[in-house]
PDB file of N, CA and C in Angstrom:
ATOM      1  N   MET A   1     -26.185-130.341 -15.206  1.00  0.00           N
ATOM      2  CA  MET A   1     -26.835-130.449 -16.491  1.00  0.00           C
ATOM      3  C   MET A   1     -27.861-131.567 -16.414  1.00  0.00           C
ATOM      4  N   GLN A   2     -28.999-131.315 -17.022  1.00  0.00           N
ATOM      5  CA  GLN A   2     -30.007-132.343 -17.231  1.00  0.00           C
ATOM      6  C   GLN A   2     -30.130-132.522 -18.738  1.00  0.00           C
ATOM      7  N   ALA A   3     -30.503-133.709 -19.184  1.00  0.00           N
ATOM      8  CA  ALA A   3     -30.593-133.966 -20.618  1.00  0.00           C
ATOM      9  C   ALA A   3     -31.710-134.947 -20.905  1.00  0.00           C
ATOM     10  N   GLU A   4     -32.305-134.790 -22.092  1.00  0.00           N
ATOM     11  CA  GLU A   4     -33.333-135.726 -22.537  1.00  0.00           C
ATOM     12  C   GLU A   4     -33.329-135.780 -24.057  1.00  0.00           C
ATOM     13  N   VAL A   5     -33.805-136.897 -24.572  1.00  0.00           N
ATOM     14  CA  VAL A   5     -33.949-137.086 -26.013  1.00  0.00           C
ATOM     15  C   VAL A   5     -35.075-136.184 -26.501  1.00  0.00           C
ATOM     16  N   VAL A   6     -34.915-135.603 -27.682  1.00  0.00           N
ATOM     17  CA  VAL A   6     -35.957-134.796 -28.302  1.00  0.00           C
ATOM     18  C   VAL A   6     -36.784-135.721 -29.188  1.00  0.00           C
ATOM     19  N   ASP A   7     -38.048-135.930 -28.814  1.00  0.00           N
ATOM     20  CA  ASP A   7     -38.923-136.804 -29.594  1.00  0.00           C
ATOM     21  C   ASP A   7     -39.030-136.312 -31.033  1.00  0.00           C
ATOM     22  N   GLY A   8     -38.863-137.233 -31.980  1.00  0.00           N
ATOM     23  CA  GLY A   8     -38.979-136.914 -33.392  1.00  0.00           C
ATOM     24  C   GLY A   8     -37.703-136.421 -34.040  1.00  0.00           C
ATOM     25  N   ALA A   9     -36.661-136.198 -33.259  1.00  0.00           N
ATOM     26  CA  ALA A   9     -35.381-135.718 -33.797  1.00  0.00           C
ATOM     27  C   ALA A   9     -34.336-136.818 -33.683  1.00  0.00           C
ATOM     28  N   ASP A  10     -33.597-137.047 -34.752  1.00  0.00           N
ATOM     29  CA  ASP A  10     -32.582-138.096 -34.774  1.00  0.00           C
ATOM     30  C   ASP A  10     -31.280-137.678 -34.088  1.00  0.00           C
ATOM     31  N   LYS A  11     -30.943-136.392 -34.136  1.00  0.00           N
ATOM     32  CA  LYS A  11     -29.626-135.946 -33.670  1.00  0.00           C
ATOM     33  C   LYS A  11     -29.645-135.091 -32.408  1.00  0.00           C
ATOM     34  N   LEU A  12     -30.820-134.630 -31.998  1.00  0.00           N
ATOM     35  CA  LEU A  12     -30.873-133.631 -30.929  1.00  0.00           C
ATOM     36  C   LEU A  12     -31.080-134.198 -29.533  1.00  0.00           C
ATOM     37  N   LEU A  13     -30.442-133.529 -28.578  1.00  0.00           N
ATOM     38  CA  LEU A  13     -30.728-133.702 -27.162  1.00  0.00           C
ATOM     39  C   LEU A  13     -31.149-132.342 -26.623  1.00  0.00           C
ATOM     40  N   ARG A  14     -32.092-132.336 -25.699  1.00  0.00           N
ATOM     41  CA  ARG A  14     -32.502-131.114 -25.014  1.00  0.00           C
ATOM     42  C   ARG A  14     -31.744-131.066 -23.695  1.00  0.00           C
ATOM     43  N   LEU A  15     -30.944-130.028 -23.525  1.00  0.00           N
ATOM     44  CA  LEU A  15     -30.124-129.864 -22.334  1.00  0.00           C
ATOM     45  C   LEU A  15     -30.683-128.732 -21.491  1.00  0.00           C
ATOM     46  N   LEU A  16     -30.755-128.921 -20.194  1.00  0.00           N
ATOM     47  CA  LEU A  16     -31.119-127.865 -19.265  1.00  0.00           C
ATOM     48  C   LEU A  16     -29.851-127.524 -18.494  1.00  0.00           C
ATOM     49  N   LEU A  17     -29.327-126.324 -18.740  1.00  0.00           N
ATOM     50  CA  LEU A  17     -28.022-125.932 -18.226  1.00  0.00           C
ATOM     51  C   LEU A  17     -28.140-124.839 -17.170  1.00  0.00           C
ATOM     52  N   ASP A  18     -27.406-124.995 -16.087  1.00  0.00           N
ATOM     53  CA  ASP A  18     -27.307-123.979 -15.043  1.00  0.00           C
ATOM     54  C   ASP A  18     -26.226-122.995 -15.482  1.00  0.00           C
ATOM     55  N   VAL A  19     -26.628-121.734 -15.728  1.00  0.00           N
ATOM     56  CA  VAL A  19     -25.658-120.717 -16.140  1.00  0.00           C
ATOM     57  C   VAL A  19     -25.437-119.676 -15.046  1.00  0.00           C
ATOM     58  N   GLY A  20     -25.607-120.106 -13.811  1.00  0.00           N
ATOM     59  CA  GLY A  20     -25.341-119.241 -12.665  1.00  0.00           C
ATOM     60  C   GLY A  20     -26.599-118.705 -12.034  1.00  0.00           C
ATOM     61  N   ASP A  21     -27.162-117.652 -12.613  1.00  0.00           N
ATOM     62  CA  ASP A  21     -28.335-117.014 -12.011  1.00  0.00           C
ATOM     63  C   ASP A  21     -29.661-117.524 -12.565  1.00  0.00           C
ATOM     64  N   HIS A  22     -29.619-118.412 -13.553  1.00  0.00           N
ATOM     65  CA  HIS A  22     -30.828-119.015 -14.113  1.00  0.00           C
ATOM     66  C   HIS A  22     -30.444-120.261 -14.914  1.00  0.00           C
ATOM     67  N   GLU A  23     -31.439-120.908 -15.477  1.00  0.00           N
ATOM     68  CA  GLU A  23     -31.199-122.081 -16.320  1.00  0.00           C
ATOM     69  C   GLU A  23     -31.576-121.757 -17.755  1.00  0.00           C
ATOM     70  N   ARG A  24     -30.923-122.431 -18.691  1.00  0.00           N
ATOM     71  CA  ARG A  24     -31.216-122.259 -20.112  1.00  0.00           C
ATOM     72  C   ARG A  24     -31.430-123.620 -20.757  1.00  0.00           C
ATOM     73  N   THR A  25     -32.314-123.628 -21.719  1.00  0.00           N
ATOM     74  CA  THR A  25     -32.540-124.821 -22.524  1.00  0.00           C
ATOM     75  C   THR A  25     -31.728-124.682 -23.809  1.00  0.00           C
ATOM     76  N   VAL A  26     -30.954-125.709 -24.120  1.00  0.00           N
ATOM     77  CA  VAL A  26     -30.160-125.726 -25.345  1.00  0.00           C
ATOM     78  C   VAL A  26     -30.478-127.013 -26.092  1.00  0.00           C
ATOM     79  N   LEU A  27     -30.809-126.886 -27.364  1.00  0.00           N
ATOM     80  CA  LEU A  27     -30.984-128.048 -28.229  1.00  0.00           C
ATOM     81  C   LEU A  27     -29.659-128.262 -28.940  1.00  0.00           C
ATOM     82  N   SER A  28     -29.089-129.444 -28.782  1.00  0.00           N
ATOM     83  CA  SER A  28     -27.757-129.718 -29.306  1.00  0.00           C
ATOM     84  C   SER A  28     -27.726-131.014 -30.104  1.00  0.00           C
ATOM     85  N   GLY A  29     -27.056-130.993 -31.233  1.00  0.00           N
ATOM     86  CA  GLY A  29     -26.947-132.153 -32.119  1.00  0.00           C
ATOM     87  C   GLY A  29     -25.831-133.093 -31.714  1.00  0.00           C
ATOM     88  N   ILE A  30     -25.850-133.554 -30.476  1.00  0.00           N
ATOM     89  CA  ILE A  30     -24.780-134.416 -29.959  1.00  0.00           C
ATOM     90  C   ILE A  30     -25.268-135.827 -29.633  1.00  0.00           C
ATOM     91  N   ARG A  31     -26.450-136.161 -30.073  1.00  0.00           N
ATOM     92  CA  ARG A  31     -27.058-137.451 -29.701  1.00  0.00           C
ATOM     93  C   ARG A  31     -26.266-138.653 -30.209  1.00  0.00           C
ATOM     94  N   SER A  32     -25.534-138.500 -31.305  1.00  0.00           N
ATOM     95  CA  SER A  32     -24.758-139.625 -31.832  1.00  0.00           C
ATOM     96  C   SER A  32     -23.570-139.975 -30.931  1.00  0.00           C
ATOM     97  N   ALA A  33     -23.176-139.048 -30.067  1.00  0.00           N
ATOM     98  CA  ALA A  33     -22.006-139.274 -29.207  1.00  0.00           C
ATOM     99  C   ALA A  33     -22.360-139.424 -27.731  1.00  0.00           C
ATOM    100  N   TYR A  34     -23.534-138.941 -27.320  1.00  0.00           N
ATOM    101  CA  TYR A  34     -23.889-138.936 -25.905  1.00  0.00           C
ATOM    102  C   TYR A  34     -25.321-139.413 -25.690  1.00  0.00           C
ATOM    103  N   THR A  35     -25.524-140.099 -24.579  1.00  0.00           N
ATOM    104  CA  THR A  35     -26.872-140.420 -24.131  1.00  0.00           C
ATOM    105  C   THR A  35     -27.205-139.436 -23.007  1.00  0.00           C
ATOM    106  N   PRO A  36     -28.479-139.178 -22.770  1.00  0.00           N
ATOM    107  CA  PRO A  36     -28.821-138.267 -21.675  1.00  0.00           C
ATOM    108  C   PRO A  36     -28.201-138.696 -20.345  1.00  0.00           C
ATOM    109  N   GLU A  37     -28.163-139.985 -20.086  1.00  0.00           N
ATOM    110  CA  GLU A  37     -27.612-140.490 -18.829  1.00  0.00           C
ATOM    111  C   GLU A  37     -26.137-140.138 -18.657  1.00  0.00           C
ATOM    112  N   ASN A  38     -25.390-140.036 -19.766  1.00  0.00           N
ATOM    113  CA  ASN A  38     -23.973-139.681 -19.700  1.00  0.00           C
ATOM    114  C   ASN A  38     -23.738-138.210 -19.377  1.00  0.00           C
ATOM    115  N   LEU A  39     -24.770-137.390 -19.493  1.00  0.00           N
ATOM    116  CA  LEU A  39     -24.606-135.951 -19.345  1.00  0.00           C
ATOM    117  C   LEU A  39     -25.119-135.390 -18.022  1.00  0.00           C
ATOM    118  N   VAL A  40     -25.961-136.125 -17.334  1.00  0.00           N
ATOM    119  CA  VAL A  40     -26.569-135.628 -16.099  1.00  0.00           C
ATOM    120  C   VAL A  40     -25.486-135.266 -15.086  1.00  0.00           C
ATOM    121  N   GLY A  41     -25.556-134.041 -14.573  1.00  0.00           N
ATOM    122  CA  GLY A  41     -24.615-133.579 -13.560  1.00  0.00           C
ATOM    123  C   GLY A  41     -23.282-133.093 -14.096  1.00  0.00           C
ATOM    124  N   ARG A  42     -23.071-133.203 -15.377  1.00  0.00           N
ATOM    125  CA  ARG A  42     -21.803-132.808 -15.985  1.00  0.00           C
ATOM    126  C   ARG A  42     -21.760-131.294 -16.219  1.00  0.00           C
ATOM    127  N   SER A  43     -20.565-130.725 -16.221  1.00  0.00           N
ATOM    128  CA  SER A  43     -20.366-129.314 -16.559  1.00  0.00           C
ATOM    129  C   SER A  43     -19.832-129.211 -17.971  1.00  0.00           C
ATOM    130  N   THR A  44     -20.208-128.142 -18.661  1.00  0.00           N
ATOM    131  CA  THR A  44     -19.708-127.901 -20.005  1.00  0.00           C
ATOM    132  C   THR A  44     -19.626-126.406 -20.245  1.00  0.00           C
ATOM    133  N   VAL A  45     -19.048-126.025 -21.355  1.00  0.00           N
ATOM    134  CA  VAL A  45     -18.932-124.618 -21.733  1.00  0.00           C
ATOM    135  C   VAL A  45     -20.078-124.292 -22.676  1.00  0.00           C
ATOM    136  N   VAL A  46     -20.779-123.200 -22.395  1.00  0.00           N
ATOM    137  CA  VAL A  46     -21.923-122.804 -23.218  1.00  0.00           C
ATOM    138  C   VAL A  46     -21.755-121.358 -23.668  1.00  0.00           C
ATOM    139  N   VAL A  47     -22.079-121.106 -24.926  1.00  0.00           N
ATOM    140  CA  VAL A  47     -22.142-119.746 -25.439  1.00  0.00           C
ATOM    141  C   VAL A  47     -23.542-119.247 -25.112  1.00  0.00           C
ATOM    142  N   ALA A  48     -23.626-118.309 -24.177  1.00  0.00           N
ATOM    143  CA  ALA A  48     -24.922-117.874 -23.663  1.00  0.00           C
ATOM    144  C   ALA A  48     -25.339-116.497 -24.171  1.00  0.00           C
ATOM    145  N   ASN A  49     -24.489-115.837 -24.957  1.00  0.00           N
ATOM    146  CA  ASN A  49     -24.836-114.493 -25.420  1.00  0.00           C
ATOM    147  C   ASN A  49     -25.413-114.500 -26.839  1.00  0.00           C
ATOM    148  N   LEU A  50     -26.046-115.602 -27.212  1.00  0.00           N
ATOM    149  CA  LEU A  50     -26.725-115.696 -28.502  1.00  0.00           C
ATOM    150  C   LEU A  50     -28.206-115.413 -28.321  1.00  0.00           C
ATOM    151  N   LYS A  51     -28.836-114.882 -29.354  1.00  0.00           N
ATOM    152  CA  LYS A  51     -30.279-114.698 -29.309  1.00  0.00           C
ATOM    153  C   LYS A  51     -30.939-116.077 -29.317  1.00  0.00           C
ATOM    154  N   PRO A  52     -32.018-116.255 -28.566  1.00  0.00           N
ATOM    155  CA  PRO A  52     -32.732-117.534 -28.621  1.00  0.00           C
ATOM    156  C   PRO A  52     -33.132-117.843 -30.071  1.00  0.00           C
ATOM    157  N   ARG A  53     -33.001-119.105 -30.431  1.00  0.00           N
ATOM    158  CA  ARG A  53     -33.288-119.512 -31.809  1.00  0.00           C
ATOM    159  C   ARG A  53     -34.454-120.486 -31.822  1.00  0.00           C
ATOM    160  N   LYS A  54     -35.505-120.123 -32.536  1.00  0.00           N
ATOM    161  CA  LYS A  54     -36.650-121.005 -32.665  1.00  0.00           C
ATOM    162  C   LYS A  54     -36.310-122.083 -33.683  1.00  0.00           C
ATOM    163  N   MET A  55     -36.452-123.340 -33.247  1.00  0.00           N
ATOM    164  CA  MET A  55     -36.158-124.483 -34.106  1.00  0.00           C
ATOM    165  C   MET A  55     -37.428-125.325 -34.214  1.00  0.00           C
ATOM    166  N   LYS A  56     -37.386-126.306 -35.071  1.00  0.00           N
ATOM    167  CA  LYS A  56     -38.540-127.166 -35.281  1.00  0.00           C
ATOM    168  C   LYS A  56     -39.014-127.819 -33.982  1.00  0.00           C
ATOM    169  N   PHE A  57     -38.095-128.161 -33.101  1.00  0.00           N
ATOM    170  CA  PHE A  57     -38.420-128.904 -31.883  1.00  0.00           C
ATOM    171  C   PHE A  57     -38.431-128.054 -30.623  1.00  0.00           C
ATOM    172  N   GLY A  58     -38.360-126.735 -30.759  1.00  0.00           N
ATOM    173  CA  GLY A  58     -38.394-125.858 -29.606  1.00  0.00           C
ATOM    174  C   GLY A  58     -37.438-124.684 -29.757  1.00  0.00           C
ATOM    175  N   VAL A  59     -37.218-123.972 -28.691  1.00  0.00           N
ATOM    176  CA  VAL A  59     -36.334-122.808 -28.694  1.00  0.00           C
ATOM    177  C   VAL A  59     -35.026-123.185 -28.009  1.00  0.00           C
ATOM    178  N   SER A  60     -33.915-122.857 -28.662  1.00  0.00           N
ATOM    179  CA  SER A  60     -32.596-123.093 -28.086  1.00  0.00           C
ATOM    180  C   SER A  60     -32.030-121.757 -27.627  1.00  0.00           C
ATOM    181  N   GLU A  61     -31.552-121.717 -26.377  1.00  0.00           N
ATOM    182  CA  GLU A  61     -31.090-120.475 -25.773  1.00  0.00           C
ATOM    183  C   GLU A  61     -29.574-120.415 -25.611  1.00  0.00           C
ATOM    184  N   GLY A  62     -28.848-121.056 -26.491  1.00  0.00           N
ATOM    185  CA  GLY A  62     -27.399-121.033 -26.425  1.00  0.00           C
ATOM    186  C   GLY A  62     -26.811-122.157 -27.251  1.00  0.00           C
ATOM    187  N   MET A  63     -25.508-122.364 -27.088  1.00  0.00           N
ATOM    188  CA  MET A  63     -24.807-123.406 -27.834  1.00  0.00           C
ATOM    189  C   MET A  63     -23.704-123.985 -26.957  1.00  0.00           C
ATOM    190  N   VAL A  64     -23.660-125.315 -26.835  1.00  0.00           N
ATOM    191  CA  VAL A  64     -22.556-125.932 -26.109  1.00  0.00           C
ATOM    192  C   VAL A  64     -21.365-126.045 -27.043  1.00  0.00           C
ATOM    193  N   LEU A  65     -20.163-125.961 -26.486  1.00  0.00           N
ATOM    194  CA  LEU A  65     -18.944-126.047 -27.288  1.00  0.00           C
ATOM    195  C   LEU A  65     -18.414-127.473 -27.266  1.00  0.00           C
ATOM    196  N   ALA A  66     -18.036-127.947 -28.443  1.00  0.00           N
ATOM    197  CA  ALA A  66     -17.516-129.301 -28.589  1.00  0.00           C
ATOM    198  C   ALA A  66     -16.446-129.304 -29.669  1.00  0.00           C
ATOM    199  N   ALA A  67     -15.644-130.349 -29.663  1.00  0.00           N
ATOM    200  CA  ALA A  67     -14.606-130.541 -30.676  1.00  0.00           C
ATOM    201  C   ALA A  67     -14.818-131.892 -31.336  1.00  0.00           C
ATOM    202  N   GLY A  68     -14.226-132.082 -32.500  1.00  0.00           N
ATOM    203  CA  GLY A  68     -14.284-133.364 -33.179  1.00  0.00           C
ATOM    204  C   GLY A  68     -14.923-133.265 -34.549  1.00  0.00           C
ATOM    205  N   PRO A  69     -14.748-134.317 -35.350  1.00  0.00           N
ATOM    206  CA  PRO A  69     -15.259-134.301 -36.726  1.00  0.00           C
ATOM    207  C   PRO A  69     -16.756-134.550 -36.840  1.00  0.00           C
ATOM    208  N   GLY A  70     -17.398-134.998 -35.779  1.00  0.00           N
ATOM    209  CA  GLY A  70     -18.839-135.257 -35.836  1.00  0.00           C
ATOM    210  C   GLY A  70     -19.140-136.729 -35.649  1.00  0.00           C
ATOM    211  N   GLY A  71     -20.398-137.078 -35.844  1.00  0.00           N
ATOM    212  CA  GLY A  71     -20.820-138.454 -35.630  1.00  0.00           C
ATOM    213  C   GLY A  71     -20.601-138.861 -34.187  1.00  0.00           C
ATOM    214  N   SER A  72     -20.015-140.034 -33.997  1.00  0.00           N
ATOM    215  CA  SER A  72     -19.755-140.493 -32.628  1.00  0.00           C
ATOM    216  C   SER A  72     -18.506-139.845 -32.036  1.00  0.00           C
ATOM    217  N   GLU A  73     -17.795-139.060 -32.831  1.00  0.00           N
ATOM    218  CA  GLU A  73     -16.583-138.378 -32.363  1.00  0.00           C
ATOM    219  C   GLU A  73     -16.867-136.908 -32.106  1.00  0.00           C
ATOM    220  N   ILE A  74     -17.691-136.660 -31.105  1.00  0.00           N
ATOM    221  CA  ILE A  74     -17.985-135.315 -30.618  1.00  0.00           C
ATOM    222  C   ILE A  74     -17.558-135.292 -29.154  1.00  0.00           C
ATOM    223  N   PHE A  75     -16.780-134.285 -28.785  1.00  0.00           N
ATOM    224  CA  PHE A  75     -16.236-134.208 -27.440  1.00  0.00           C
ATOM    225  C   PHE A  75     -16.570-132.851 -26.830  1.00  0.00           C
ATOM    226  N   LEU A  76     -17.478-132.851 -25.835  1.00  0.00           N
ATOM    227  CA  LEU A  76     -17.860-131.606 -25.180  1.00  0.00           C
ATOM    228  C   LEU A  76     -16.675-131.011 -24.434  1.00  0.00           C
ATOM    229  N   LEU A  77     -16.532-129.702 -24.520  1.00  0.00           N
ATOM    230  CA  LEU A  77     -15.510-129.017 -23.742  1.00  0.00           C
ATOM    231  C   LEU A  77     -16.021-128.875 -22.316  1.00  0.00           C
ATOM    232  N   ALA A  78     -15.144-129.094 -21.373  1.00  0.00           N
ATOM    233  CA  ALA A  78     -15.539-129.052 -19.959  1.00  0.00           C
ATOM    234  C   ALA A  78     -14.508-128.268 -19.163  1.00  0.00           C
ATOM    235  N   PRO A  79     -14.969-127.490 -18.183  1.00  0.00           N
ATOM    236  CA  PRO A  79     -14.030-126.757 -17.330  1.00  0.00           C
ATOM    237  C   PRO A  79     -13.364-127.684 -16.316  1.00  0.00           C
ATOM    238  N   ASP A  80     -12.243-127.246 -15.783  1.00  0.00           N
ATOM    239  CA  ASP A  80     -11.565-127.985 -14.726  1.00  0.00           C
ATOM    240  C   ASP A  80     -12.410-127.953 -13.446  1.00  0.00           C
ATOM    241  N   ASP A  81     -12.093-128.865 -12.540  1.00  0.00           N
ATOM    242  CA  ASP A  81     -12.739-128.876 -11.233  1.00  0.00           C
ATOM    243  C   ASP A  81     -12.557-127.514 -10.570  1.00  0.00           C
ATOM    244  N   GLY A  82     -13.556-127.072  -9.875  1.00  0.00           N
ATOM    245  CA  GLY A  82     -13.502-125.786  -9.190  1.00  0.00           C
ATOM    246  C   GLY A  82     -14.282-124.696  -9.906  1.00  0.00           C
ATOM    247  N   ALA A  83     -14.516-124.872 -11.206  1.00  0.00           N
ATOM    248  CA  ALA A  83     -15.309-123.894 -11.948  1.00  0.00           C
ATOM    249  C   ALA A  83     -16.760-123.978 -11.487  1.00  0.00           C
ATOM    250  N   LYS A  84     -17.416-122.831 -11.416  1.00  0.00           N
ATOM    251  CA  LYS A  84     -18.802-122.741 -10.954  1.00  0.00           C
ATOM    252  C   LYS A  84     -19.712-122.361 -12.120  1.00  0.00           C
ATOM    253  N   PRO A  85     -20.973-122.788 -12.085  1.00  0.00           N
ATOM    254  CA  PRO A  85     -21.927-122.377 -13.121  1.00  0.00           C
ATOM    255  C   PRO A  85     -21.994-120.856 -13.225  1.00  0.00           C
ATOM    256  N   GLY A  86     -21.986-120.359 -14.449  1.00  0.00           N
ATOM    257  CA  GLY A  86     -22.088-118.929 -14.690  1.00  0.00           C
ATOM    258  C   GLY A  86     -20.764-118.212 -14.825  1.00  0.00           C
ATOM    259  N   MET A  87     -19.653-118.893 -14.536  1.00  0.00           N
ATOM    260  CA  MET A  87     -18.345-118.234 -14.699  1.00  0.00           C
ATOM    261  C   MET A  87     -18.123-117.924 -16.169  1.00  0.00           C
ATOM    262  N   ARG A  88     -17.487-116.782 -16.410  1.00  0.00           N
ATOM    263  CA  ARG A  88     -17.174-116.365 -17.773  1.00  0.00           C
ATOM    264  C   ARG A  88     -15.910-117.074 -18.277  1.00  0.00           C
ATOM    265  N   VAL A  89     -15.885-117.326 -19.551  1.00  0.00           N
ATOM    266  CA  VAL A  89     -14.688-117.861 -20.204  1.00  0.00           C
ATOM    267  C   VAL A  89     -13.820-116.661 -20.555  1.00  0.00           C
ATOM    268  N   THR A  90     -12.547-116.715 -20.108  1.00  0.00           N
ATOM    269  CA  THR A  90     -11.666-115.580 -20.395  1.00  0.00           C
ATOM    270  C   THR A  90     -10.446-116.017 -21.170  1.00  0.00           C
TER     271      THR A  90
END
């Protein structure tokens, strides 16, 4: 995973995610809990079968899954070691 701050947005990070056979850009409102540096190289679970959504700051091509009440208490779901990019959640 690669991540960067979205200029002009208070809550968004732009994530570049490897989903196996290609990469997807996801805009995610997790900035209150994560810095881009904390996310680089990390694996997470992404919902990739959504239609791309045009947003004010760009197009988001999926949604990362997280738990928690919000704010600084957002916890990305992550697969166990051994999972590969593009594997389906079953």
